[in-house]
Amino acid sequence: MLKIVHIIIMTLLVFVTIGCVPREISVPSHHNGNFIDNSSSNSWAEETNTDDEENIDISDIDEEITQSDMQTLQQSSKEVQRIPFPSKEYARLSKVGKGTIKGEIYLLDLYGERVYGTNTRLYLNPITSYSNQWYRESYIKGQKMSEPDSRLFNYLRFTASDSNGNFAFYGVPSGSYYLIGVVKCAQECGYDTLKSIRVATKVKVQGNQIIEQDLYRQITQ
């Protein structure tokens, strides 16, 4: 009788133990000695929840302008119309890759000291005729542009810098990109009020390359 009771108790313990085991365990990946939480890593816009405005709002690419840009806009308030979205050109772009782009985002003040862009969003925008127009008209000339085609969101990649201005993009497809970010700066840059300074540069990655590319801009008065 005692044997039967013992067998019943052991059987119940096995079922209880199995029922307490989690069905799925999330383990962070390991990259260059650092653990990465895949649940919050950067991703292509079309792979994210499009209902999340934080993921698709790129107003900081177009609306955040430098002091010199403001002067240009005052001279010409006419909105520049974007060229038709070159869908065939974008269709040729790969969306799968193994490249890495990492660096620091900062401004160089009047004394050559760095003012880091902390906890700010950065973008990789594939270089096409469409983005070339943005770079020429908006970033270089400071012109206001019409709203971008919503299909552009499917080809942007974004991440955020940490509290020290470090950033990284992982799984980047081979190709050439505009690397874009914004740094907020006030008295340390010689401004009376807080200003948002756009910074952009070109970067290219091939295969599984790890590209180290800082994103910075010299402050001028």
Protein backbone atom coordinates (compact mmCIF):
# COMPACT_ATOMS: atom_id res chain seq x y z
CA MET A 1 0.00 0.00 0.00
CA LEU A 2 2.82 2.38 0.88
CA LYS A 3 4.45 1.62 -2.49
CA ILE A 4 1.28 2.60 -4.35
CA VAL A 5 0.99 5.89 -2.41
CA HIS A 6 4.67 6.63 -3.09
CA ILE A 7 4.21 6.02 -6.85
CA ILE A 8 1.15 8.31 -6.95
CA ILE A 9 3.02 11.10 -5.13
CA MET A 10 6.05 10.83 -7.46
CA THR A 11 3.78 10.94 -10.53
CA LEU A 12 2.06 14.10 -9.30
CA LEU A 13 5.43 15.76 -8.62
CA VAL A 14 6.55 15.05 -12.21
CA PHE A 15 3.40 16.64 -13.70
CA VAL A 16 3.71 19.69 -11.44
CA THR A 17 7.37 20.15 -12.36
CA ILE A 18 6.67 19.92 -16.11
CA GLY A 19 3.83 22.41 -15.83
CA CYS A 20 6.15 24.98 -14.20
CA VAL A 21 8.74 24.96 -17.00
CA PRO A 22 8.53 28.10 -19.23
CA ARG A 23 7.56 27.34 -22.81
CA GLU A 24 10.00 29.85 -24.31
CA ILE A 25 13.22 31.31 -23.01
CA SER A 26 14.67 34.45 -24.60
CA VAL A 27 18.45 34.44 -24.60
CA PRO A 28 20.34 37.57 -25.67
CA SER A 29 22.79 37.12 -28.50
CA HIS A 30 26.49 37.80 -28.14
CA HIS A 31 28.27 40.27 -30.42
CA ASN A 32 31.92 41.38 -30.09
CA GLY A 33 31.97 40.56 -26.41
CA ASN A 34 28.74 42.40 -25.67
CA PHE A 35 25.33 40.95 -25.04
CA ILE A 36 22.58 42.34 -27.27
CA ASP A 37 18.88 42.22 -26.45
CA ASN A 38 17.34 41.14 -29.75
CA SER A 39 13.90 42.24 -28.65
CA SER A 40 14.88 45.90 -28.87
CA SER A 41 17.54 45.83 -31.60
CA ASN A 42 17.17 48.09 -34.61
CA SER A 43 15.17 46.81 -37.56
CA TRP A 44 13.81 47.74 -40.96
CA ALA A 45 10.78 49.99 -40.72
CA GLU A 46 8.52 47.53 -42.54
CA GLU A 47 9.41 44.83 -40.00
CA THR A 48 8.17 46.94 -37.10
CA ASN A 49 4.69 47.81 -35.92
CA THR A 50 3.59 50.51 -38.34
CA ASP A 51 1.05 51.69 -35.78
CA ASP A 52 3.94 52.86 -33.63
CA GLU A 53 4.54 56.46 -34.65
CA GLU A 54 7.98 56.40 -33.04
CA ASN A 55 9.15 53.93 -35.68
CA ILE A 56 7.94 55.71 -38.80
CA ASP A 57 8.03 59.41 -37.91
CA ILE A 58 11.09 60.83 -39.69
CA SER A 59 10.34 64.49 -39.04
CA ASP A 60 13.76 64.87 -37.41
CA ILE A 61 15.32 64.22 -40.82
CA ASP A 62 13.47 67.09 -42.48
CA GLU A 63 12.31 69.51 -39.80
CA GLU A 64 15.29 69.73 -37.46
CA ILE A 65 17.48 72.40 -39.02
CA THR A 66 20.69 74.21 -38.25
CA GLN A 67 21.11 77.92 -37.70
CA SER A 68 22.49 78.39 -41.22
CA ASP A 69 19.52 76.44 -42.57
CA MET A 70 17.17 78.91 -40.85
CA GLN A 71 18.76 81.80 -42.68
CA THR A 72 18.29 79.99 -46.00
CA LEU A 73 14.65 79.26 -45.23
CA GLN A 74 14.02 82.90 -44.43
CA GLN A 75 15.31 83.83 -47.87
CA SER A 76 13.13 81.26 -49.64
CA SER A 77 9.94 79.91 -48.10
CA LYS A 78 8.96 78.02 -51.24
CA GLU A 79 8.53 74.29 -50.65
CA VAL A 80 10.64 72.02 -52.82
CA GLN A 81 8.61 69.21 -54.38
CA ARG A 82 10.20 65.80 -54.15
CA ILE A 83 10.79 63.85 -57.33
CA PRO A 84 8.44 60.89 -58.00
CA PHE A 85 9.32 57.93 -55.81
CA PRO A 86 11.60 55.66 -57.92
CA SER A 87 10.00 52.35 -56.95
CA LYS A 88 12.07 50.30 -59.43
CA GLU A 89 15.26 51.77 -58.03
CA TYR A 90 14.26 50.82 -54.49
CA ALA A 91 13.05 47.37 -55.53
CA ARG A 92 16.63 46.51 -56.46
CA LEU A 93 17.86 47.17 -52.93
CA SER A 94 18.59 44.21 -50.70
CA LYS A 95 16.87 44.12 -47.31
CA VAL A 96 18.93 41.31 -45.82
CA GLY A 97 22.54 41.73 -44.76
CA LYS A 98 25.29 41.01 -42.27
CA GLY A 99 27.12 44.32 -42.14
CA THR A 100 27.70 46.46 -39.06
CA ILE A 101 28.05 50.24 -38.86
CA LYS A 102 29.01 51.74 -35.52
CA GLY A 103 30.52 54.91 -34.14
CA GLU A 104 29.82 58.06 -32.14
CA ILE A 105 27.60 61.04 -32.93
CA TYR A 106 28.77 64.47 -31.81
CA LEU A 107 29.38 68.12 -32.66
CA LEU A 108 32.74 69.88 -32.52
CA ASP A 109 32.34 73.20 -30.71
CA LEU A 110 34.33 76.37 -31.37
CA TYR A 111 37.22 74.99 -29.29
CA GLY A 112 37.27 71.58 -30.91
CA GLU A 113 35.60 69.89 -27.94
CA ARG A 114 33.01 67.20 -28.54
CA VAL A 115 29.33 67.67 -27.67
CA TYR A 116 27.84 64.19 -27.87
CA GLY A 117 24.38 63.37 -29.18
CA THR A 118 23.01 61.36 -26.28
CA ASN A 119 19.94 59.14 -26.54
CA THR A 120 19.16 60.46 -30.01
CA ARG A 121 17.77 58.62 -33.02
CA LEU A 122 19.88 57.86 -36.09
CA TYR A 123 18.92 56.65 -39.56
CA LEU A 124 20.42 54.79 -42.47
CA ASN A 125 18.80 56.03 -45.66
CA PRO A 126 19.85 54.14 -48.85
CA ILE A 127 21.50 56.39 -51.41
CA THR A 128 19.17 56.74 -54.39
CA SER A 129 18.06 59.55 -56.67
CA TYR A 130 15.29 60.17 -54.12
CA SER A 131 17.59 60.50 -51.10
CA ASN A 132 20.16 62.41 -53.18
CA GLN A 133 17.54 65.10 -53.73
CA TRP A 134 16.89 65.25 -49.97
CA TYR A 135 20.62 65.56 -49.25
CA ARG A 136 21.12 68.30 -51.81
CA GLU A 137 17.99 70.36 -51.19
CA SER A 138 17.25 69.80 -47.50
CA TYR A 139 20.55 69.04 -45.81
CA ILE A 140 22.95 71.15 -47.88
CA LYS A 141 20.69 74.02 -48.94
CA GLY A 142 18.31 73.97 -45.96
CA GLN A 143 15.20 74.06 -48.15
CA LYS A 144 11.82 72.92 -46.86
CA MET A 145 10.61 69.87 -48.77
CA SER A 146 7.23 68.29 -49.40
CA GLU A 147 6.24 65.20 -47.42
CA PRO A 148 8.19 62.05 -48.35
CA ASP A 149 6.46 59.14 -50.01
CA SER A 150 5.30 56.67 -47.35
CA ARG A 151 7.06 53.85 -49.20
CA LEU A 152 10.37 55.33 -48.11
CA PHE A 153 9.71 54.05 -44.57
CA ASN A 154 10.16 50.48 -45.83
CA TYR A 155 13.79 51.16 -46.68
CA LEU A 156 14.96 53.16 -43.67
CA ARG A 157 16.85 51.64 -40.80
CA PHE A 158 17.05 53.32 -37.42
CA THR A 159 18.71 53.00 -34.05
CA ALA A 160 19.45 55.21 -31.04
CA SER A 161 22.66 56.36 -29.42
CA ASP A 162 23.41 55.66 -25.77
CA SER A 163 24.14 58.18 -23.02
CA ASN A 164 27.71 58.56 -24.35
CA GLY A 165 26.78 59.09 -27.99
CA ASN A 166 27.67 55.55 -29.13
CA PHE A 167 25.49 53.92 -31.78
CA ALA A 168 25.44 50.75 -33.89
CA PHE A 169 23.46 49.27 -36.79
CA TYR A 170 23.52 45.49 -37.16
CA GLY A 171 22.44 43.25 -40.05
CA VAL A 172 22.95 46.00 -42.64
CA PRO A 173 22.62 44.94 -46.32
CA SER A 174 25.51 45.73 -48.65
CA GLY A 175 25.19 49.18 -50.16
CA SER A 176 25.70 52.92 -49.75
CA TYR A 177 23.71 54.97 -47.24
CA TYR A 178 23.21 58.41 -45.80
CA LEU A 179 23.91 58.16 -42.08
CA ILE A 180 21.74 60.80 -40.38
CA GLY A 181 21.29 62.02 -36.83
CA VAL A 182 20.48 65.06 -34.69
CA VAL A 183 22.46 66.57 -31.82
CA LYS A 184 20.88 69.07 -29.45
CA CYS A 185 23.17 71.83 -28.25
CA ALA A 186 22.86 75.18 -26.42
CA GLN A 187 25.43 77.30 -24.60
CA GLU A 188 28.23 74.78 -25.13
CA CYS A 189 27.87 75.49 -28.87
CA GLY A 190 27.58 79.24 -28.41
CA TYR A 191 23.77 79.42 -28.72
CA ASP A 192 21.45 81.28 -26.34
CA THR A 193 18.74 78.63 -26.69
CA LEU A 194 18.70 74.90 -27.34
CA LYS A 195 19.09 74.08 -31.02
CA SER A 196 18.82 70.82 -32.94
CA ILE A 197 21.71 70.32 -35.33
CA ARG A 198 21.30 67.86 -38.18
CA VAL A 199 24.32 65.78 -39.10
CA ALA A 200 24.61 63.57 -42.18
CA THR A 201 27.36 61.75 -44.02
CA LYS A 202 27.78 58.95 -46.57
CA VAL A 203 28.79 55.45 -45.56
CA LYS A 204 29.26 52.21 -47.49
CA VAL A 205 29.25 48.61 -46.28
CA GLN A 206 29.93 45.34 -48.11
CA GLY A 207 29.15 41.83 -46.91
CA ASN A 208 29.89 41.25 -43.24
CA GLN A 209 32.14 44.29 -42.87
CA ILE A 210 32.25 46.13 -39.55
CA ILE A 211 32.47 49.81 -40.48
CA GLU A 212 33.49 52.33 -37.83
CA GLN A 213 32.07 55.70 -38.88
CA ASP A 214 31.63 58.64 -36.53
CA LEU A 215 28.87 61.10 -37.35
CA TYR A 216 29.92 64.66 -36.53
CA ARG A 217 29.77 68.26 -37.64
CA GLN A 218 31.83 71.37 -36.86
CA ILE A 219 29.93 74.24 -35.27
CA THR A 220 30.52 77.59 -36.97
CA GLN A 221 29.24 81.03 -36.07
